[in-house]
């Protein structure tokens, strides 16, 4: 889909569907919507008067076009209340209106710049949010559906979205935002593709191949360490998880050098469990249904690197992905085992289903050894975080106040909402082992916190943060601009973080 902004009279713009907007509670449309309403002979005003269209956020009303308009049909979309309109609301509104246009079989769509008048949103931010909302909202994963021959090659999607404004400067600013928004959303959708893949297709070595595919033709370098090399690096915690599966593990390192003169590199570490059975601490059958998604952190960091490279911030970033299945095969890790991580610390295994922290701790050790700072890890780590925050917010943990604030700000700007969770020293007592340096679970209570503190133990005072995306990486029903399935959580936040941390 091609997205652009143009300076033109909206009444003259020719398209299949024209999308205008209205705040909730407004009785008479103004601005561009008012002009379209007048051209339609007051049709939008009549809908409002009859209570058929209230302007509730993401609600839509379809109207026929007329001779005074270039558009064949018109869709009015609700912005919600003026007080609650923000950039993320614009994403949601764009997604809702574009899905409506797709259902109307529209190929070309015109749209106003949402929120730039009374809403106070800049044209650049509005353009970026519209692009993100449209691309994220129209996403679907149907590659494994068998289509009837008569539908083969049929294009039922929107081909062109044009944002129309009278202001030439506004159009130029919107185009700048569109460029960034497209990069962010397309990278997030690639991550969604990876997460939605079935586990018999996306196993560790295939994830490594996809990483190379992402890097192809870009200023990204990829190195894939195989099992023998992982053994040489003495990543015993990682290898312990991998020993129960048939598919060999890989350790993926993807580098972006945006500032070659600097020896400082930020590490983004993604959990790459391509399928999680729980190991010998076997999950119930219905808890395995979505466990292909346990590599959502890996997908996020790899696809964030694609977006970072495209936007070219002057910062060095390295993505680290330990990838393996967690299976209960004959050689599987046992409860009671003790493994030794890359930094020499020993871990007592009390639950083989607490495996994500084991593969991540070795990747964090690798980052520390190679003097990467800060370190940000992303993982579908704990059901406990889902209990605490549901599917609305990601758990944010860390040992560095400034880093935590920067990540939270990047999340707010991206619409990927986070909540800073505590990491008091008192919780560390729960991880003490009688026979090893640390144990891999901390008991029933505060599970998201003890999991985060387990990872902090290996960060070795390096500025570090942890995003627990267990509740936000995959959703069971449509929400805002996401269909059921993978959300690509953290791709846009990590990209925004890199942009924010790069020197100007």
Protein backbone atom coordinates (compact mmCIF):
# COMPACT_ATOMS: atom_id res chain seq x y z
CA UNK A 1 0.00 0.00 0.00
CA UNK A 2 1.33 3.41 -0.99
CA UNK A 3 0.87 6.18 1.58
CA UNK A 4 1.45 9.88 0.93
CA UNK A 5 0.21 13.34 1.91
CA UNK A 6 -0.79 16.00 -0.60
CA UNK A 7 -1.83 19.67 -0.43
CA UNK A 8 -5.22 19.76 -2.15
CA UNK A 9 -8.84 20.73 -1.66
CA UNK A 10 -10.42 17.68 -0.07
CA UNK A 11 -13.67 18.21 -1.96
CA UNK A 12 -11.82 17.76 -5.27
CA UNK A 13 -9.72 14.75 -4.34
CA UNK A 14 -10.73 11.70 -6.38
CA UNK A 15 -10.79 8.38 -4.54
CA UNK A 16 -13.04 5.42 -3.86
CA UNK A 17 -13.56 6.35 -0.20
CA UNK A 18 -12.92 9.61 1.63
CA UNK A 19 -12.46 9.46 5.41
CA UNK A 20 -13.35 12.45 7.60
CA UNK A 21 -13.67 12.66 11.39
CA UNK A 22 -15.71 14.02 14.26
CA UNK A 23 -15.17 14.50 17.99
CA UNK A 24 -17.62 12.83 20.34
CA UNK A 25 -20.34 15.18 21.53
CA UNK A 26 -19.98 17.68 18.69
CA UNK A 27 -23.33 18.59 17.14
CA UNK A 28 -22.09 20.44 14.07
CA UNK A 29 -19.04 19.35 12.04
CA UNK A 30 -16.30 21.89 11.39
CA UNK A 31 -13.13 22.14 9.32
CA UNK A 32 -12.71 19.63 6.50
CA UNK A 33 -15.54 17.47 7.85
CA UNK A 34 -17.80 20.53 7.84
CA UNK A 35 -16.91 21.24 4.22
CA UNK A 36 -17.70 17.65 3.23
CA UNK A 37 -20.94 17.76 5.23
CA UNK A 38 -21.99 20.89 3.35
CA UNK A 39 -21.18 19.23 0.02
CA UNK A 40 -23.34 16.28 1.09
CA UNK A 41 -26.23 18.57 1.88
CA UNK A 42 -25.86 18.15 5.66
CA UNK A 43 -25.94 14.32 5.61
CA UNK A 44 -23.38 13.99 8.43
CA UNK A 45 -25.25 16.56 10.55
CA UNK A 46 -28.47 14.60 10.10
CA UNK A 47 -26.78 11.40 11.27
CA UNK A 48 -25.60 13.23 14.39
CA UNK A 49 -29.04 14.74 15.05
CA UNK A 50 -30.71 11.34 14.78
CA UNK A 51 -28.14 9.80 17.14
CA UNK A 52 -26.90 7.42 14.45
CA UNK A 53 -23.35 8.73 14.69
CA UNK A 54 -21.99 10.06 17.99
CA UNK A 55 -18.26 10.39 17.27
CA UNK A 56 -17.39 7.61 19.72
CA UNK A 57 -13.78 6.63 19.13
CA UNK A 58 -13.33 4.29 16.15
CA UNK A 59 -17.06 4.20 15.34
CA UNK A 60 -17.79 4.67 11.64
CA UNK A 61 -20.66 5.79 9.45
CA UNK A 62 -20.83 5.21 5.69
CA UNK A 63 -22.36 7.77 3.34
CA UNK A 64 -22.82 7.94 -0.42
CA UNK A 65 -20.80 10.47 -2.40
CA UNK A 66 -22.25 13.23 -4.54
CA UNK A 67 -21.48 15.33 -7.60
CA UNK A 68 -19.81 18.01 -5.43
CA UNK A 69 -17.20 15.53 -4.22
CA UNK A 70 -14.39 13.72 -5.99
CA UNK A 71 -14.90 10.72 -3.72
CA UNK A 72 -17.31 7.93 -4.57
CA UNK A 73 -18.24 7.33 -0.92
CA UNK A 74 -17.55 8.94 2.45
CA UNK A 75 -16.78 7.41 5.85
CA UNK A 76 -17.06 9.47 9.03
CA UNK A 77 -14.93 8.10 11.86
CA UNK A 78 -15.22 9.02 15.54
CA UNK A 79 -12.24 10.55 17.34
CA UNK A 80 -13.72 10.14 20.82
CA UNK A 81 -13.55 13.03 23.27
CA UNK A 82 -11.17 15.90 22.63
CA UNK A 83 -9.62 15.49 26.10
CA UNK A 84 -8.54 11.91 25.39
CA UNK A 85 -7.27 12.37 21.85
CA UNK A 86 -3.57 11.56 21.53
CA UNK A 87 -1.24 10.09 18.94
CA UNK A 88 -2.14 6.52 19.88
CA UNK A 89 -5.83 7.34 19.45
CA UNK A 90 -5.00 8.52 15.92
CA UNK A 91 -3.40 5.12 15.24
CA UNK A 92 -6.57 3.38 16.38
CA UNK A 93 -8.83 5.71 14.39
CA UNK A 94 -6.75 5.21 11.24
CA UNK A 95 -6.91 1.42 11.67
CA UNK A 96 -10.68 1.41 12.20
CA UNK A 97 -11.39 3.62 9.21
CA UNK A 98 -9.03 1.69 6.92
CA UNK A 99 -10.64 -1.61 7.89
CA UNK A 100 -14.00 -0.04 7.07
CA UNK A 101 -12.64 1.09 3.69
CA UNK A 102 -11.30 -2.41 3.00
CA UNK A 103 -14.69 -3.92 3.81
CA UNK A 104 -16.13 -1.51 1.21
CA UNK A 105 -13.67 -2.95 -1.37
CA UNK A 106 -11.98 0.44 -1.76
CA UNK A 107 -8.68 0.54 -3.67
CA UNK A 108 -7.94 4.24 -3.19
CA UNK A 109 -8.62 6.09 0.06
CA UNK A 110 -8.37 9.76 0.97
CA UNK A 111 -8.11 10.81 4.61
CA UNK A 112 -7.94 14.02 6.63
CA UNK A 113 -5.06 14.67 9.05
CA UNK A 114 -6.60 13.51 12.31
CA UNK A 115 -6.18 15.69 15.38
CA UNK A 116 -4.12 18.53 13.89
CA UNK A 117 -6.77 21.19 14.44
CA UNK A 118 -8.49 21.34 17.81
CA UNK A 119 -6.65 18.16 18.84
CA UNK A 120 -3.29 19.94 18.90
CA UNK A 121 -1.32 17.08 17.30
CA UNK A 122 1.43 18.11 14.89
CA UNK A 123 1.05 17.19 11.20
CA UNK A 124 4.24 15.09 11.40
CA UNK A 125 2.99 13.09 14.38
CA UNK A 126 -0.46 12.70 12.84
CA UNK A 127 0.98 11.52 9.52
CA UNK A 128 3.21 9.01 11.29
CA UNK A 129 0.37 7.72 13.45
CA UNK A 130 -1.97 7.36 10.47
CA UNK A 131 0.66 5.36 8.58
CA UNK A 132 1.30 3.11 11.58
CA UNK A 133 -2.38 2.62 12.31
CA UNK A 134 -3.21 1.84 8.70
CA UNK A 135 -0.39 -0.67 8.22
CA UNK A 136 -0.80 -2.34 11.60
CA UNK A 137 -4.58 -2.31 11.35
CA UNK A 138 -4.76 -3.93 7.91
CA UNK A 139 -2.33 -6.71 8.83
CA UNK A 140 -3.47 -10.31 8.43
CA UNK A 141 -1.64 -13.63 8.58
CA UNK A 142 -3.29 -16.06 6.20
CA UNK A 143 -0.42 -17.68 4.31
CA UNK A 144 -1.48 -21.17 5.36
CA UNK A 145 -5.14 -20.82 4.35
CA UNK A 146 -5.98 -22.84 1.24
CA UNK A 147 -7.78 -20.52 -1.15
CA UNK A 148 -10.20 -21.57 -3.87
CA UNK A 149 -8.79 -21.35 -7.36
CA UNK A 150 -11.19 -18.55 -8.35
CA UNK A 151 -9.74 -16.38 -5.58
CA UNK A 152 -6.10 -17.04 -6.51
CA UNK A 153 -4.25 -13.77 -7.00
CA UNK A 154 -7.32 -11.69 -6.11
CA UNK A 155 -6.36 -8.33 -4.59
CA UNK A 156 -8.91 -7.27 -1.99
CA UNK A 157 -6.71 -4.70 -0.27
CA UNK A 158 -6.37 -0.94 -0.30
CA UNK A 159 -3.67 0.06 -2.77
CA UNK A 160 -3.29 3.74 -1.97
CA UNK A 161 -3.91 5.95 1.06
CA UNK A 162 -3.58 9.70 0.58
CA UNK A 163 -3.73 12.20 3.40
CA UNK A 164 -5.30 15.39 2.07
CA UNK A 165 -4.75 18.84 3.59
CA UNK A 166 -4.93 22.40 2.24
CA UNK A 167 -1.67 23.32 3.98
CA UNK A 168 1.46 22.62 1.87
CA UNK A 169 3.74 22.81 4.93
CA UNK A 170 1.44 20.45 6.78
CA UNK A 171 1.57 17.99 3.90
CA UNK A 172 5.38 18.11 3.86
CA UNK A 173 5.53 17.50 7.62
CA UNK A 174 2.99 14.69 7.33
CA UNK A 175 5.09 13.02 4.62
CA UNK A 176 8.09 13.08 6.96
CA UNK A 177 6.01 11.38 9.65
CA UNK A 178 4.63 8.89 7.15
CA UNK A 179 8.16 7.80 6.21
CA UNK A 180 9.03 6.99 9.82
CA UNK A 181 5.63 5.45 10.53
CA UNK A 182 5.89 3.09 7.56
CA UNK A 183 9.30 1.85 8.68
CA UNK A 184 8.12 1.29 12.25
CA UNK A 185 4.89 -0.48 11.30
CA UNK A 186 6.38 -2.66 8.57
CA UNK A 187 9.09 -3.84 10.98
CA UNK A 188 6.44 -4.61 13.61
CA UNK A 189 4.43 -6.56 11.03
CA UNK A 190 7.50 -8.59 10.09
CA UNK A 191 7.84 -9.49 13.77
CA UNK A 192 4.17 -10.48 13.82
CA UNK A 193 4.81 -12.75 10.84
CA UNK A 194 7.66 -14.45 12.69
CA UNK A 195 5.63 -14.97 15.86
CA UNK A 196 2.57 -16.22 13.99
CA UNK A 197 4.60 -18.88 12.14
CA UNK A 198 3.94 -22.45 13.32
CA UNK A 199 6.74 -24.06 15.36
CA UNK A 200 7.32 -26.82 12.81
CA UNK A 201 8.29 -24.06 10.36
CA UNK A 202 10.10 -21.62 12.63
CA UNK A 203 12.64 -23.64 14.63
CA UNK A 204 15.98 -22.18 15.81
CA UNK A 205 17.96 -22.64 12.60
CA UNK A 206 15.11 -21.22 10.53
CA UNK A 207 14.96 -18.19 12.83
CA UNK A 208 18.66 -17.69 12.13
CA UNK A 209 17.99 -17.91 8.40
CA UNK A 210 15.24 -15.30 8.74
CA UNK A 211 17.66 -13.05 10.64
CA UNK A 212 20.05 -13.23 7.69
CA UNK A 213 17.15 -12.47 5.37
CA UNK A 214 16.30 -9.35 7.40
CA UNK A 215 19.92 -8.18 7.18
CA UNK A 216 20.34 -8.88 3.46
CA UNK A 217 21.21 -5.75 1.50
CA UNK A 218 21.34 -3.62 4.64
CA UNK A 219 24.13 -2.28 6.82
CA UNK A 220 23.58 -5.06 9.32
CA UNK A 221 25.97 -7.90 10.04
CA UNK A 222 24.80 -11.27 11.31
CA UNK A 223 26.77 -14.05 12.91
CA UNK A 224 25.12 -17.31 13.89
CA UNK A 225 26.88 -19.41 16.54
CA UNK A 226 26.05 -23.10 16.34
CA UNK A 227 25.94 -25.60 19.20
CA UNK A 228 29.67 -26.41 19.16
CA UNK A 229 30.52 -22.70 19.36
CA UNK A 230 27.99 -22.14 22.13
CA UNK A 231 29.69 -24.96 24.03
CA UNK A 232 33.08 -23.28 23.54
CA UNK A 233 31.65 -20.08 25.02
CA UNK A 234 30.54 -22.15 28.03
CA UNK A 235 26.91 -21.05 27.90
CA UNK A 236 25.82 -23.85 30.21
CA UNK A 237 22.47 -22.35 31.22
CA UNK A 238 21.45 -21.94 27.58
CA UNK A 239 22.66 -25.42 26.64
CA UNK A 240 20.83 -26.97 29.57
CA UNK A 241 17.50 -25.81 28.14
CA UNK A 242 18.44 -26.96 24.63
CA UNK A 243 19.45 -30.52 25.55
CA UNK A 244 15.89 -31.92 25.57
CA UNK A 245 15.04 -30.97 22.01
CA UNK A 246 15.71 -32.42 18.56
CA UNK A 247 16.44 -29.06 16.88
CA UNK A 248 19.95 -27.72 17.64
CA UNK A 249 20.23 -24.34 19.36
CA UNK A 250 21.72 -21.23 17.75
CA UNK A 251 22.95 -17.94 19.14
CA UNK A 252 22.24 -15.05 16.76
CA UNK A 253 24.25 -11.82 16.91
CA UNK A 254 23.09 -8.96 14.66
CA UNK A 255 25.05 -5.69 14.65
CA UNK A 256 24.27 -2.15 13.50
CA UNK A 257 27.14 0.35 13.50
CA UNK A 258 25.52 3.76 13.32
CA UNK A 259 28.46 5.43 15.06
CA UNK A 260 31.67 3.59 14.11
CA UNK A 261 33.80 6.16 15.95
CA UNK A 262 32.23 5.16 19.28
CA UNK A 263 33.19 2.03 21.20
CA UNK A 264 29.85 2.08 23.03
CA UNK A 265 27.14 -0.37 21.96
CA UNK A 266 23.61 -0.89 23.27
CA UNK A 267 22.53 -4.52 23.51
CA UNK A 268 18.94 -5.62 22.91
CA UNK A 269 18.45 -9.23 23.95
CA UNK A 270 15.44 -11.27 22.83
CA UNK A 271 14.18 -14.54 24.23
CA UNK A 272 14.11 -17.08 21.40
CA UNK A 273 12.24 -20.13 22.67
CA UNK A 274 10.74 -21.30 19.37
CA UNK A 275 8.47 -23.73 21.20
CA UNK A 276 8.01 -24.17 24.92
CA UNK A 277 6.58 -27.45 26.19
CA UNK A 278 7.82 -26.66 29.69
CA UNK A 279 10.41 -29.42 29.48
CA UNK A 280 10.08 -32.09 32.17
CA UNK A 281 8.05 -29.57 34.20
CA UNK A 282 5.50 -30.14 31.46
CA UNK A 283 2.81 -27.57 30.77
CA UNK A 284 -0.87 -28.64 30.61
CA UNK A 285 -1.97 -29.21 27.01
CA UNK A 286 -4.10 -26.08 26.79
CA UNK A 287 -1.18 -24.00 28.04
CA UNK A 288 0.93 -25.08 25.06
CA UNK A 289 -1.44 -23.80 22.37
CA UNK A 290 0.29 -20.42 22.04
CA UNK A 291 3.82 -21.50 22.92
CA UNK A 292 5.06 -20.87 19.39
CA UNK A 293 4.93 -17.24 20.58
CA UNK A 294 7.67 -17.74 23.17
CA UNK A 295 10.15 -16.29 20.69
CA UNK A 296 8.32 -12.93 20.55
CA UNK A 297 11.26 -11.21 22.22
CA UNK A 298 13.61 -12.56 19.57
CA UNK A 299 11.30 -11.38 16.80
CA UNK A 300 11.10 -7.94 18.42
CA UNK A 301 14.85 -7.34 18.63
CA UNK A 302 15.61 -8.68 15.14
CA UNK A 303 12.89 -6.62 13.50
CA UNK A 304 13.72 -3.53 15.56
CA UNK A 305 17.19 -3.77 14.04
CA UNK A 306 15.63 -3.59 10.58
CA UNK A 307 13.81 -0.38 11.53
CA UNK A 308 16.85 1.08 13.26
CA UNK A 309 19.02 0.48 10.21
CA UNK A 310 16.44 2.12 7.95
CA UNK A 311 16.21 5.23 10.17
CA UNK A 312 20.00 5.39 10.64
CA UNK A 313 20.45 6.88 14.13
CA UNK A 314 24.07 7.58 15.10
CA UNK A 315 24.26 4.81 17.67
CA UNK A 316 25.65 1.28 17.78
CA UNK A 317 23.14 -1.45 18.57
CA UNK A 318 23.63 -5.23 18.79
CA UNK A 319 20.76 -7.70 18.95
CA UNK A 320 21.43 -10.96 20.79
CA UNK A 321 19.11 -13.95 20.39
CA UNK A 322 19.63 -17.29 22.12
CA UNK A 323 17.26 -19.61 20.24
CA UNK A 324 16.14 -23.12 21.15
CA UNK A 325 13.11 -25.29 21.80
CA UNK A 326 12.32 -26.36 25.36
CA UNK A 327 11.35 -30.01 25.04
CA UNK A 328 11.07 -33.08 27.32
CA UNK A 329 13.28 -35.42 25.26
CA UNK A 330 15.38 -38.22 26.68
CA UNK A 331 18.31 -35.92 27.38
CA UNK A 332 16.17 -33.14 28.86
CA UNK A 333 17.31 -31.02 31.76
CA UNK A 334 16.05 -32.38 35.08
CA UNK A 335 14.70 -30.68 38.16
CA UNK A 336 17.61 -30.60 40.58
CA UNK A 337 20.29 -30.12 37.91
CA UNK A 338 22.93 -27.47 38.42
CA UNK A 339 24.22 -25.61 35.38
CA UNK A 340 27.05 -23.11 35.00
CA UNK A 341 26.43 -19.88 33.09
CA UNK A 342 28.95 -18.19 30.81
CA UNK A 343 30.25 -16.00 33.65
CA UNK A 344 30.95 -19.05 35.84
CA UNK A 345 27.97 -18.60 38.18
CA UNK A 346 25.99 -21.74 39.03
CA UNK A 347 22.21 -22.11 38.83
CA UNK A 348 20.05 -24.73 40.56
CA UNK A 349 17.16 -25.82 38.34
CA UNK A 350 13.96 -26.12 40.35
CA UNK A 351 11.55 -25.79 37.42
CA UNK A 352 12.42 -26.55 33.80
CA UNK A 353 9.53 -24.33 32.65
CA UNK A 354 11.45 -21.30 33.96
CA UNK A 355 13.71 -21.67 30.97
CA UNK A 356 13.58 -18.24 29.35
CA UNK A 357 15.68 -16.65 32.08
CA UNK A 358 18.26 -19.42 31.63
CA UNK A 359 18.88 -18.73 27.96
CA UNK A 360 18.73 -14.97 28.52
CA UNK A 361 21.25 -14.99 31.36
CA UNK A 362 23.95 -16.40 29.06
CA UNK A 363 23.13 -13.81 26.39
CA UNK A 364 23.38 -11.08 29.04
CA UNK A 365 26.74 -12.52 30.13
CA UNK A 366 27.87 -12.28 26.50
CA UNK A 367 26.83 -8.62 26.41
CA UNK A 368 28.65 -7.88 29.67
CA UNK A 369 31.80 -9.69 28.52
CA UNK A 370 31.80 -7.62 25.33
CA UNK A 371 31.28 -4.39 27.32
CA UNK A 372 27.88 -3.58 25.79
CA UNK A 373 25.87 -0.97 27.67
CA UNK A 374 23.03 -0.48 28.31
CA UNK A 375 21.46 -3.93 28.08
CA UNK A 376 17.73 -4.24 27.42
CA UNK A 377 16.18 -7.71 27.35
CA UNK A 378 12.72 -8.50 26.00
CA UNK A 379 10.90 -11.72 26.81
CA UNK A 380 7.57 -13.45 27.15
CA UNK A 381 8.90 -14.41 30.55
CA UNK A 382 6.21 -14.97 33.18
CA UNK A 383 2.55 -15.71 33.60
CA UNK A 384 2.89 -13.72 36.82
CA UNK A 385 3.32 -10.53 34.80
CA UNK A 386 0.09 -11.32 32.96
CA UNK A 387 -1.68 -11.77 36.29
CA UNK A 388 -0.39 -8.37 37.43
CA UNK A 389 -0.87 -6.31 34.26
CA UNK A 390 -3.05 -8.35 31.91
CA UNK A 391 -2.69 -7.65 28.19
CA UNK A 392 -2.70 -3.86 28.52
CA UNK A 393 0.79 -3.01 29.78
CA UNK A 394 4.25 -4.55 29.57
CA UNK A 395 6.17 -5.02 32.81
CA UNK A 396 9.26 -2.77 32.93
CA UNK A 397 12.08 -3.59 35.34
CA UNK A 398 15.60 -2.26 35.65
CA UNK A 399 18.57 -1.15 37.74
CA UNK A 400 19.07 2.28 36.16
CA UNK A 401 16.53 5.08 36.70
CA UNK A 402 17.43 7.05 33.56
CA UNK A 403 17.25 3.96 31.35
CA UNK A 404 13.86 3.03 32.79
CA UNK A 405 12.56 6.55 32.18
CA UNK A 406 13.88 6.54 28.61
CA UNK A 407 12.27 3.19 27.81
CA UNK A 408 8.95 4.23 29.36
CA UNK A 409 8.99 7.46 27.32
CA UNK A 410 9.75 5.52 24.12
CA UNK A 411 6.88 3.17 24.94
CA UNK A 412 4.46 6.04 25.52
CA UNK A 413 5.41 7.64 22.21
CA UNK A 414 4.99 4.32 20.41
CA UNK A 415 1.70 3.40 22.04
CA UNK A 416 3.35 0.36 23.62
CA UNK A 417 2.33 1.01 27.19
CA UNK A 418 4.57 -0.10 30.07
CA UNK A 419 4.47 -0.11 33.85
CA UNK A 420 7.55 0.22 36.05
CA UNK A 421 7.65 -2.70 38.48
CA UNK A 422 9.61 -2.89 41.77
CA UNK A 423 12.91 -4.72 42.20
CA UNK A 424 13.48 -4.31 45.95
CA UNK A 425 16.42 -6.22 47.43
CA UNK A 426 13.98 -8.07 49.71
CA UNK A 427 12.81 -10.14 46.75
CA UNK A 428 16.36 -11.38 46.10
CA UNK A 429 16.15 -13.57 49.20
CA UNK A 430 13.65 -15.73 47.32
CA UNK A 431 16.31 -16.71 44.75
CA UNK A 432 18.91 -17.96 47.23
CA UNK A 433 19.95 -21.56 46.73
CA UNK A 434 21.40 -23.87 49.38
CA UNK A 435 23.70 -25.61 46.91
CA UNK A 436 24.33 -23.15 44.03
CA UNK A 437 24.89 -19.42 43.54
CA UNK A 438 21.25 -18.86 42.61
CA UNK A 439 18.12 -20.88 41.85
CA UNK A 440 15.99 -20.37 38.76
CA UNK A 441 12.66 -19.70 40.50
CA UNK A 442 11.72 -17.71 43.55
CA UNK A 443 8.55 -19.42 44.70
CA UNK A 444 4.88 -18.69 44.05
CA UNK A 445 4.69 -15.00 44.92
CA UNK A 446 6.14 -12.07 42.99
CA UNK A 447 7.14 -14.32 40.11
CA UNK A 448 7.61 -11.55 37.54
CA UNK A 449 9.86 -9.67 39.96
CA UNK A 450 12.04 -12.63 40.94
CA UNK A 451 12.42 -13.56 37.26
CA UNK A 452 13.63 -10.04 36.52
CA UNK A 453 16.00 -10.10 39.50
CA UNK A 454 17.42 -13.40 38.28
CA UNK A 455 18.40 -11.63 35.04
CA UNK A 456 19.76 -8.60 36.90
CA UNK A 457 22.10 -10.94 38.78
CA UNK A 458 23.92 -11.60 35.51
CA UNK A 459 23.95 -7.97 34.31
CA UNK A 460 26.78 -7.37 36.80
CA UNK A 461 25.99 -3.68 37.53
CA UNK A 462 25.76 -2.78 33.84
CA UNK A 463 22.79 -0.45 33.21
CA UNK A 464 20.07 -2.98 32.43
CA UNK A 465 16.33 -3.14 31.83
CA UNK A 466 13.91 -5.99 31.28
CA UNK A 467 10.59 -5.95 29.42
CA UNK A 468 8.22 -8.78 30.31
CA UNK A 469 5.91 -8.94 27.29
CA UNK A 470 4.10 -12.15 28.26
CA UNK A 471 0.73 -10.39 28.26
CA UNK A 472 1.25 -7.98 25.38
CA UNK A 473 3.08 -9.97 22.68
CA UNK A 474 0.02 -11.98 21.65
CA UNK A 475 -3.67 -11.19 22.11
CA UNK A 476 -6.80 -13.34 21.94
CA UNK A 477 -9.12 -10.72 20.46
CA UNK A 478 -8.96 -7.53 18.39
CA UNK A 479 -7.61 -4.52 20.27
CA UNK A 480 -7.00 -0.98 18.97
CA UNK A 481 -5.02 -1.54 15.74
CA UNK A 482 -4.22 -5.22 16.34
CA UNK A 483 -6.06 -8.26 15.07
CA UNK A 484 -6.05 -11.44 17.15
CA UNK A 485 -2.54 -12.90 17.24
CA UNK A 486 0.94 -11.44 17.48
CA UNK A 487 1.29 -7.69 18.12
CA UNK A 488 4.99 -7.11 17.35
CA UNK A 489 5.30 -5.68 20.85
CA UNK A 490 8.50 -3.72 21.56
CA UNK A 491 9.66 -3.31 17.95
CA UNK A 492 8.53 0.31 17.81
CA UNK A 493 9.60 1.10 21.38
CA UNK A 494 13.10 -0.29 20.86
CA UNK A 495 13.44 1.63 17.61
CA UNK A 496 12.26 4.82 19.28
CA UNK A 497 14.68 4.21 22.17
CA UNK A 498 17.58 3.97 19.72
CA UNK A 499 16.47 7.21 18.05
CA UNK A 500 16.15 8.96 21.41
CA UNK A 501 19.52 7.75 22.72
CA UNK A 502 21.46 8.62 19.57
CA UNK A 503 23.42 11.88 19.65
CA UNK A 504 21.81 14.61 17.55
